[in-house]
Amino acid sequence: MEVDELEDIEATAVVDARGSACPGPLLEAKKGMGTVSVGEVVEIRSSDPGSRGDIPVWANKVGHEFLGALTADEGYDRIFVRRGK
């Protein structure tokens, strides 16, 4: 997705994992995914640089759709995943 498309996404749930080190953001993403229905989007906020690589790999492995990531003005990543199953 393009940056402007990501900025327009209305996530169903927001998981705030800022300040959490690996594997914290991934574990929080897994928990957050369990709170939404298939087809809905979870936004994971993370200050751990590894999350940009870890979360897309996990999402694809378990059947979710990684939509993309943005860096917020405050310096953390906003990672978007659509629940696939």
PDB file of N, CA and C in Angstrom:
ATOM      1  N   MET A   1       0.837  -1.197   0.000  1.00  0.00           N
ATOM      2  CA  MET A   1       0.000   0.000   0.000  1.00  0.00           C
ATOM      3  C   MET A   1       0.875   1.251   0.000  1.00  0.00           C
ATOM      4  N   GLU A   2       0.341   2.297  -0.561  1.00  0.00           N
ATOM      5  CA  GLU A   2       1.043   3.577  -0.563  1.00  0.00           C
ATOM      6  C   GLU A   2       0.915   4.239   0.811  1.00  0.00           C
ATOM      7  N   VAL A   3       1.827   5.158   1.101  1.00  0.00           N
ATOM      8  CA  VAL A   3       1.836   5.842   2.398  1.00  0.00           C
ATOM      9  C   VAL A   3       0.507   6.531   2.689  1.00  0.00           C
ATOM     10  N   ASP A   4      -0.053   7.234   1.698  1.00  0.00           N
ATOM     11  CA  ASP A   4      -1.317   7.938   1.947  1.00  0.00           C
ATOM     12  C   ASP A   4      -2.465   6.969   2.199  1.00  0.00           C
ATOM     13  N   GLU A   5      -2.415   5.775   1.576  1.00  0.00           N
ATOM     14  CA  GLU A   5      -3.436   4.760   1.839  1.00  0.00           C
ATOM     15  C   GLU A   5      -3.314   4.238   3.270  1.00  0.00           C
ATOM     16  N   LEU A   6      -2.089   4.028   3.730  1.00  0.00           N
ATOM     17  CA  LEU A   6      -1.872   3.563   5.105  1.00  0.00           C
ATOM     18  C   LEU A   6      -2.346   4.607   6.112  1.00  0.00           C
ATOM     19  N   GLU A   7      -2.079   5.865   5.827  1.00  0.00           N
ATOM     20  CA  GLU A   7      -2.488   6.941   6.740  1.00  0.00           C
ATOM     21  C   GLU A   7      -4.004   7.025   6.872  1.00  0.00           C
ATOM     22  N   ASP A   8      -4.724   6.571   5.843  1.00  0.00           N
ATOM     23  CA  ASP A   8      -6.186   6.643   5.845  1.00  0.00           C
ATOM     24  C   ASP A   8      -6.858   5.430   6.496  1.00  0.00           C
ATOM     25  N   ILE A   9      -6.075   4.413   6.846  1.00  0.00           N
ATOM     26  CA  ILE A   9      -6.663   3.194   7.434  1.00  0.00           C
ATOM     27  C   ILE A   9      -7.240   3.500   8.811  1.00  0.00           C
ATOM     28  N   GLU A  10      -8.474   3.031   9.016  1.00  0.00           N
ATOM     29  CA  GLU A  10      -9.120   3.112  10.331  1.00  0.00           C
ATOM     30  C   GLU A  10      -8.988   1.738  10.967  1.00  0.00           C
ATOM     31  N   ALA A  11      -7.993   1.572  11.824  1.00  0.00           N
ATOM     32  CA  ALA A  11      -7.770   0.278  12.465  1.00  0.00           C
ATOM     33  C   ALA A  11      -8.893  -0.010  13.459  1.00  0.00           C
ATOM     34  N   THR A  12      -9.311  -1.266  13.511  1.00  0.00           N
ATOM     35  CA  THR A  12     -10.326  -1.699  14.474  1.00  0.00           C
ATOM     36  C   THR A  12      -9.742  -1.707  15.875  1.00  0.00           C
ATOM     37  N   ALA A  13      -8.461  -2.091  15.979  1.00  0.00           N
ATOM     38  CA  ALA A  13      -7.781  -2.133  17.279  1.00  0.00           C
ATOM     39  C   ALA A  13      -6.386  -1.556  17.129  1.00  0.00           C
ATOM     40  N   VAL A  14      -5.915  -0.890  18.172  1.00  0.00           N
ATOM     41  CA  VAL A  14      -4.558  -0.353  18.206  1.00  0.00           C
ATOM     42  C   VAL A  14      -3.837  -1.016  19.364  1.00  0.00           C
ATOM     43  N   VAL A  15      -2.693  -1.618  19.056  1.00  0.00           N
ATOM     44  CA  VAL A  15      -1.857  -2.257  20.066  1.00  0.00           C
ATOM     45  C   VAL A  15      -0.667  -1.344  20.299  1.00  0.00           C
ATOM     46  N   ASP A  16      -0.548  -0.817  21.511  1.00  0.00           N
ATOM     47  CA  ASP A  16       0.555   0.086  21.825  1.00  0.00           C
ATOM     48  C   ASP A  16       1.669  -0.686  22.523  1.00  0.00           C
ATOM     49  N   ALA A  17       2.685  -1.081  21.737  1.00  0.00           N
ATOM     50  CA  ALA A  17       3.809  -1.837  22.274  1.00  0.00           C
ATOM     51  C   ALA A  17       5.065  -0.971  22.339  1.00  0.00           C
ATOM     52  N   ARG A  18       4.885   0.353  22.307  1.00  0.00           N
ATOM     53  CA  ARG A  18       6.048   1.244  22.394  1.00  0.00           C
ATOM     54  C   ARG A  18       6.745   1.037  23.732  1.00  0.00           C
ATOM     55  N   GLY A  19       8.067   1.015  23.696  1.00  0.00           N
ATOM     56  CA  GLY A  19       8.840   0.818  24.914  1.00  0.00           C
ATOM     57  C   GLY A  19       9.099  -0.639  25.233  1.00  0.00           C
ATOM     58  N   SER A  20       8.479  -1.546  24.489  1.00  0.00           N
ATOM     59  CA  SER A  20       8.645  -2.979  24.703  1.00  0.00           C
ATOM     60  C   SER A  20       9.718  -3.497  23.748  1.00  0.00           C
ATOM     61  N   ALA A  21      10.653  -4.287  24.277  1.00  0.00           N
ATOM     62  CA  ALA A  21      11.715  -4.854  23.442  1.00  0.00           C
ATOM     63  C   ALA A  21      11.272  -6.199  22.876  1.00  0.00           C
ATOM     64  N   CYS A  22      11.931  -6.613  21.823  1.00  0.00           N
ATOM     65  CA  CYS A  22      11.667  -7.895  21.188  1.00  0.00           C
ATOM     66  C   CYS A  22      11.747  -9.013  22.227  1.00  0.00           C
ATOM     67  N   PRO A  23      10.802  -9.923  22.274  1.00  0.00           N
ATOM     68  CA  PRO A  23       9.705 -10.170  21.343  1.00  0.00           C
ATOM     69  C   PRO A  23       8.388  -9.529  21.775  1.00  0.00           C
ATOM     70  N   GLY A  24       8.430  -8.578  22.689  1.00  0.00           N
ATOM     71  CA  GLY A  24       7.218  -7.954  23.224  1.00  0.00           C
ATOM     72  C   GLY A  24       6.225  -7.462  22.188  1.00  0.00           C
ATOM     73  N   PRO A  25       6.656  -6.640  21.218  1.00  0.00           N
ATOM     74  CA  PRO A  25       5.690  -6.143  20.227  1.00  0.00           C
ATOM     75  C   PRO A  25       5.004  -7.255  19.434  1.00  0.00           C
ATOM     76  N   LEU A  26       5.738  -8.312  19.120  1.00  0.00           N
ATOM     77  CA  LEU A  26       5.135  -9.432  18.390  1.00  0.00           C
ATOM     78  C   LEU A  26       4.109 -10.152  19.262  1.00  0.00           C
ATOM     79  N   LEU A  27       4.431 -10.359  20.519  1.00  0.00           N
ATOM     80  CA  LEU A  27       3.479 -11.007  21.432  1.00  0.00           C
ATOM     81  C   LEU A  27       2.228 -10.153  21.605  1.00  0.00           C
ATOM     82  N   GLU A  28       2.406  -8.840  21.699  1.00  0.00           N
ATOM     83  CA  GLU A  28       1.262  -7.929  21.812  1.00  0.00           C
ATOM     84  C   GLU A  28       0.428  -7.943  20.534  1.00  0.00           C
ATOM     85  N   ALA A  29       1.096  -8.042  19.375  1.00  0.00           N
ATOM     86  CA  ALA A  29       0.376  -8.114  18.095  1.00  0.00           C
ATOM     87  C   ALA A  29      -0.489  -9.369  18.047  1.00  0.00           C
ATOM     88  N   LYS A  30       0.055 -10.494  18.518  1.00  0.00           N
ATOM     89  CA  LYS A  30      -0.708 -11.748  18.532  1.00  0.00           C
ATOM     90  C   LYS A  30      -1.946 -11.596  19.414  1.00  0.00           C
ATOM     91  N   LYS A  31      -1.779 -10.994  20.582  1.00  0.00           N
ATOM     92  CA  LYS A  31      -2.921 -10.786  21.484  1.00  0.00           C
ATOM     93  C   LYS A  31      -3.957  -9.877  20.831  1.00  0.00           C
ATOM     94  N   GLY A  32      -3.494  -8.783  20.226  1.00  0.00           N
ATOM     95  CA  GLY A  32      -4.386  -7.823  19.584  1.00  0.00           C
ATOM     96  C   GLY A  32      -5.168  -8.434  18.439  1.00  0.00           C
ATOM     97  N   MET A  33      -4.536  -9.336  17.703  1.00  0.00           N
ATOM     98  CA  MET A  33      -5.205  -9.975  16.571  1.00  0.00           C
ATOM     99  C   MET A  33      -6.389 -10.806  17.057  1.00  0.00           C
ATOM    100  N   GLY A  34      -6.283 -11.336  18.270  1.00  0.00           N
ATOM    101  CA  GLY A  34      -7.361 -12.131  18.821  1.00  0.00           C
ATOM    102  C   GLY A  34      -8.582 -11.324  19.229  1.00  0.00           C
ATOM    103  N   THR A  35      -8.466 -10.011  19.214  1.00  0.00           N
ATOM    104  CA  THR A  35      -9.581  -9.144  19.629  1.00  0.00           C
ATOM    105  C   THR A  35     -10.408  -8.628  18.464  1.00  0.00           C
ATOM    106  N   VAL A  36      -9.987  -8.936  17.223  1.00  0.00           N
ATOM    107  CA  VAL A  36     -10.716  -8.429  16.057  1.00  0.00           C
ATOM    108  C   VAL A  36     -11.239  -9.593  15.214  1.00  0.00           C
ATOM    109  N   SER A  37     -12.185  -9.291  14.356  1.00  0.00           N
ATOM    110  CA  SER A  37     -12.772 -10.292  13.469  1.00  0.00           C
ATOM    111  C   SER A  37     -11.963 -10.410  12.183  1.00  0.00           C
ATOM    112  N   VAL A  38     -12.167 -11.517  11.479  1.00  0.00           N
ATOM    113  CA  VAL A  38     -11.512 -11.724  10.190  1.00  0.00           C
ATOM    114  C   VAL A  38     -11.837 -10.541   9.270  1.00  0.00           C
ATOM    115  N   GLY A  39     -10.827 -10.007   8.609  1.00  0.00           N
ATOM    116  CA  GLY A  39     -10.994  -8.877   7.697  1.00  0.00           C
ATOM    117  C   GLY A  39     -10.742  -7.524   8.341  1.00  0.00           C
ATOM    118  N   GLU A  40     -10.702  -7.476   9.662  1.00  0.00           N
ATOM    119  CA  GLU A  40     -10.453  -6.207  10.347  1.00  0.00           C
ATOM    120  C   GLU A  40      -8.947  -5.968  10.494  1.00  0.00           C
ATOM    121  N   VAL A  41      -8.596  -4.712  10.749  1.00  0.00           N
ATOM    122  CA  VAL A  41      -7.193  -4.301  10.776  1.00  0.00           C
ATOM    123  C   VAL A  41      -6.756  -3.950  12.192  1.00  0.00           C
ATOM    124  N   VAL A  42      -5.548  -4.412  12.524  1.00  0.00           N
ATOM    125  CA  VAL A  42      -4.897  -4.055  13.783  1.00  0.00           C
ATOM    126  C   VAL A  42      -3.702  -3.171  13.453  1.00  0.00           C
ATOM    127  N   GLU A  43      -3.572  -2.076  14.186  1.00  0.00           N
ATOM    128  CA  GLU A  43      -2.393  -1.223  14.072  1.00  0.00           C
ATOM    129  C   GLU A  43      -1.513  -1.511  15.280  1.00  0.00           C
ATOM    130  N   ILE A  44      -0.259  -1.891  15.033  1.00  0.00           N
ATOM    131  CA  ILE A  44       0.696  -2.139  16.103  1.00  0.00           C
ATOM    132  C   ILE A  44       1.656  -0.953  16.134  1.00  0.00           C
ATOM    133  N   ARG A  45       1.758  -0.328  17.297  1.00  0.00           N
ATOM    134  CA  ARG A  45       2.701   0.782  17.471  1.00  0.00           C
ATOM    135  C   ARG A  45       3.904   0.256  18.229  1.00  0.00           C
ATOM    136  N   SER A  46       5.084   0.405  17.636  1.00  0.00           N
ATOM    137  CA  SER A  46       6.288  -0.162  18.234  1.00  0.00           C
ATOM    138  C   SER A  46       7.484   0.763  18.064  1.00  0.00           C
ATOM    139  N   SER A  47       8.289   0.851  19.120  1.00  0.00           N
ATOM    140  CA  SER A  47       9.538   1.605  19.047  1.00  0.00           C
ATOM    141  C   SER A  47      10.728   0.665  18.857  1.00  0.00           C
ATOM    142  N   ASP A  48      10.479  -0.640  18.781  1.00  0.00           N
ATOM    143  CA  ASP A  48      11.534  -1.629  18.566  1.00  0.00           C
ATOM    144  C   ASP A  48      11.759  -1.776  17.065  1.00  0.00           C
ATOM    145  N   PRO A  49      12.965  -1.453  16.573  1.00  0.00           N
ATOM    146  CA  PRO A  49      13.212  -1.508  15.123  1.00  0.00           C
ATOM    147  C   PRO A  49      13.029  -2.892  14.517  1.00  0.00           C
ATOM    148  N   GLY A  50      13.154  -3.953  15.303  1.00  0.00           N
ATOM    149  CA  GLY A  50      12.989  -5.307  14.784  1.00  0.00           C
ATOM    150  C   GLY A  50      11.570  -5.630  14.384  1.00  0.00           C
ATOM    151  N   SER A  51      10.618  -4.860  14.906  1.00  0.00           N
ATOM    152  CA  SER A  51       9.202  -5.137  14.614  1.00  0.00           C
ATOM    153  C   SER A  51       8.880  -4.996  13.136  1.00  0.00           C
ATOM    154  N   ARG A  52       9.553  -4.097  12.442  1.00  0.00           N
ATOM    155  CA  ARG A  52       9.282  -3.896  11.009  1.00  0.00           C
ATOM    156  C   ARG A  52       9.571  -5.143  10.195  1.00  0.00           C
ATOM    157  N   GLY A  53      10.490  -5.969  10.678  1.00  0.00           N
ATOM    158  CA  GLY A  53      10.792  -7.217   9.987  1.00  0.00           C
ATOM    159  C   GLY A  53      10.049  -8.405  10.565  1.00  0.00           C
ATOM    160  N   ASP A  54       9.932  -8.440  11.891  1.00  0.00           N
ATOM    161  CA  ASP A  54       9.332  -9.596  12.568  1.00  0.00           C
ATOM    162  C   ASP A  54       7.833  -9.725  12.312  1.00  0.00           C
ATOM    163  N   ILE A  55       7.114  -8.629  12.407  1.00  0.00           N
ATOM    164  CA  ILE A  55       5.650  -8.697  12.308  1.00  0.00           C
ATOM    165  C   ILE A  55       5.181  -9.110  10.915  1.00  0.00           C
ATOM    166  N   PRO A  56       5.768  -8.579   9.819  1.00  0.00           N
ATOM    167  CA  PRO A  56       5.335  -9.052   8.491  1.00  0.00           C
ATOM    168  C   PRO A  56       5.591 -10.550   8.284  1.00  0.00           C
ATOM    169  N   VAL A  57       6.730 -11.045   8.772  1.00  0.00           N
ATOM    170  CA  VAL A  57       7.047 -12.466   8.626  1.00  0.00           C
ATOM    171  C   VAL A  57       6.023 -13.300   9.385  1.00  0.00           C
ATOM    172  N   TRP A  58       5.738 -12.911  10.624  1.00  0.00           N
ATOM    173  CA  TRP A  58       4.738 -13.626  11.425  1.00  0.00           C
ATOM    174  C   TRP A  58       3.367 -13.584  10.751  1.00  0.00           C
ATOM    175  N   ALA A  59       2.956 -12.394  10.297  1.00  0.00           N
ATOM    176  CA  ALA A  59       1.630 -12.243   9.682  1.00  0.00           C
ATOM    177  C   ALA A  59       1.473 -13.178   8.486  1.00  0.00           C
ATOM    178  N   ASN A  60       2.447 -13.183   7.613  1.00  0.00           N
ATOM    179  CA  ASN A  60       2.364 -14.030   6.421  1.00  0.00           C
ATOM    180  C   ASN A  60       2.400 -15.512   6.789  1.00  0.00           C
ATOM    181  N   LYS A  61       3.167 -15.848   7.799  1.00  0.00           N
ATOM    182  CA  LYS A  61       3.301 -17.250   8.228  1.00  0.00           C
ATOM    183  C   LYS A  61       1.989 -17.818   8.770  1.00  0.00           C
ATOM    184  N   VAL A  62       1.230 -16.984   9.486  1.00  0.00           N
ATOM    185  CA  VAL A  62       0.002 -17.482  10.116  1.00  0.00           C
ATOM    186  C   VAL A  62      -1.271 -17.146   9.339  1.00  0.00           C
ATOM    187  N   GLY A  63      -1.146 -16.520   8.176  1.00  0.00           N
ATOM    188  CA  GLY A  63      -2.308 -16.301   7.331  1.00  0.00           C
ATOM    189  C   GLY A  63      -2.964 -14.937   7.426  1.00  0.00           C
ATOM    190  N   HIS A  64      -2.273 -13.967   8.023  1.00  0.00           N
ATOM    191  CA  HIS A  64      -2.786 -12.597   8.049  1.00  0.00           C
ATOM    192  C   HIS A  64      -2.146 -11.808   6.904  1.00  0.00           C
ATOM    193  N   GLU A  65      -2.656 -10.626   6.635  1.00  0.00           N
ATOM    194  CA  GLU A  65      -2.139  -9.802   5.542  1.00  0.00           C
ATOM    195  C   GLU A  65      -1.415  -8.585   6.107  1.00  0.00           C
ATOM    196  N   PHE A  66      -0.107  -8.524   5.880  1.00  0.00           N
ATOM    197  CA  PHE A  66       0.679  -7.349   6.251  1.00  0.00           C
ATOM    198  C   PHE A  66       0.366  -6.256   5.231  1.00  0.00           C
ATOM    199  N   LEU A  67      -0.144  -5.123   5.703  1.00  0.00           N
ATOM    200  CA  LEU A  67      -0.535  -4.039   4.803  1.00  0.00           C
ATOM    201  C   LEU A  67       0.578  -3.025   4.583  1.00  0.00           C
ATOM    202  N   GLY A  68       1.441  -2.854   5.592  1.00  0.00           N
ATOM    203  CA  GLY A  68       2.527  -1.900   5.464  1.00  0.00           C
ATOM    204  C   GLY A  68       2.848  -1.250   6.791  1.00  0.00           C
ATOM    205  N   ALA A  69       3.845  -0.360   6.760  1.00  0.00           N
ATOM    206  CA  ALA A  69       4.276   0.314   7.984  1.00  0.00           C
ATOM    207  C   ALA A  69       4.625   1.770   7.680  1.00  0.00           C
ATOM    208  N   LEU A  70       4.366   2.603   8.657  1.00  0.00           N
ATOM    209  CA  LEU A  70       4.700   4.027   8.597  1.00  0.00           C
ATOM    210  C   LEU A  70       5.543   4.367   9.809  1.00  0.00           C
ATOM    211  N   THR A  71       6.354   5.421   9.694  1.00  0.00           N
ATOM    212  CA  THR A  71       7.044   5.945  10.866  1.00  0.00           C
ATOM    213  C   THR A  71       6.311   7.208  11.288  1.00  0.00           C
ATOM    214  N   ALA A  72       5.822   7.212  12.526  1.00  0.00           N
ATOM    215  CA  ALA A  72       5.096   8.367  13.057  1.00  0.00           C
ATOM    216  C   ALA A  72       6.075   9.515  13.309  1.00  0.00           C
ATOM    217  N   ASP A  73       5.551  10.728  13.356  1.00  0.00           N
ATOM    218  CA  ASP A  73       6.386  11.897  13.617  1.00  0.00           C
ATOM    219  C   ASP A  73       7.146  11.771  14.931  1.00  0.00           C
ATOM    220  N   GLU A  74       6.570  11.048  15.886  1.00  0.00           N
ATOM    221  CA  GLU A  74       7.198  10.878  17.192  1.00  0.00           C
ATOM    222  C   GLU A  74       8.305   9.821  17.178  1.00  0.00           C
ATOM    223  N   GLY A  75       8.530   9.152  16.034  1.00  0.00           N
ATOM    224  CA  GLY A  75       9.649   8.241  15.889  1.00  0.00           C
ATOM    225  C   GLY A  75       9.350   6.766  16.074  1.00  0.00           C
ATOM    226  N   TYR A  76       8.119   6.389  16.331  1.00  0.00           N
ATOM    227  CA  TYR A  76       7.782   4.970  16.447  1.00  0.00           C
ATOM    228  C   TYR A  76       7.154   4.484  15.145  1.00  0.00           C
ATOM    229  N   ASP A  77       7.117   3.157  14.983  1.00  0.00           N
ATOM    230  CA  ASP A  77       6.517   2.560  13.788  1.00  0.00           C
ATOM    231  C   ASP A  77       5.045   2.264  14.010  1.00  0.00           C
ATOM    232  N   ARG A  78       4.263   2.469  12.966  1.00  0.00           N
ATOM    233  CA  ARG A  78       2.848   2.094  12.933  1.00  0.00           C
ATOM    234  C   ARG A  78       2.739   0.990  11.884  1.00  0.00           C
ATOM    235  N   ILE A  79       2.454  -0.231  12.341  1.00  0.00           N
ATOM    236  CA  ILE A  79       2.442  -1.408  11.481  1.00  0.00           C
ATOM    237  C   ILE A  79       0.998  -1.901  11.365  1.00  0.00           C
ATOM    238  N   PHE A  80       0.548  -2.131  10.138  1.00  0.00           N
ATOM    239  CA  PHE A  80      -0.842  -2.477   9.886  1.00  0.00           C
ATOM    240  C   PHE A  80      -0.966  -3.905   9.373  1.00  0.00           C
ATOM    241  N   VAL A  81      -1.824  -4.691  10.034  1.00  0.00           N
ATOM    242  CA  VAL A  81      -2.039  -6.090   9.654  1.00  0.00           C
ATOM    243  C   VAL A  81      -3.553  -6.352   9.631  1.00  0.00           C
ATOM    244  N   ARG A  82      -4.008  -6.985   8.540  1.00  0.00           N
ATOM    245  CA  ARG A  82      -5.427  -7.382   8.433  1.00  0.00           C
ATOM    246  C   ARG A  82      -5.533  -8.850   8.824  1.00  0.00           C
ATOM    247  N   ARG A  83      -6.481  -9.141   9.719  1.00  0.00           N
ATOM    248  CA  ARG A  83      -6.692 -10.505  10.176  1.00  0.00           C
ATOM    249  C   ARG A  83      -7.192 -11.376   9.032  1.00  0.00           C
ATOM    250  N   GLY A  84      -6.524 -12.489   8.813  1.00  0.00           N
ATOM    251  CA  GLY A  84      -6.868 -13.356   7.701  1.00  0.00           C
ATOM    252  C   GLY A  84      -7.669 -14.585   8.085  1.00  0.00           C
ATOM    253  N   LYS A  85      -7.575 -15.007   9.355  1.00  0.00           N
ATOM    254  CA  LYS A  85      -8.324 -16.207   9.741  1.00  0.00           C
ATOM    255  C   LYS A  85      -8.550 -16.212  11.225  1.00  0.00           C
TER     256      LYS A  85
END
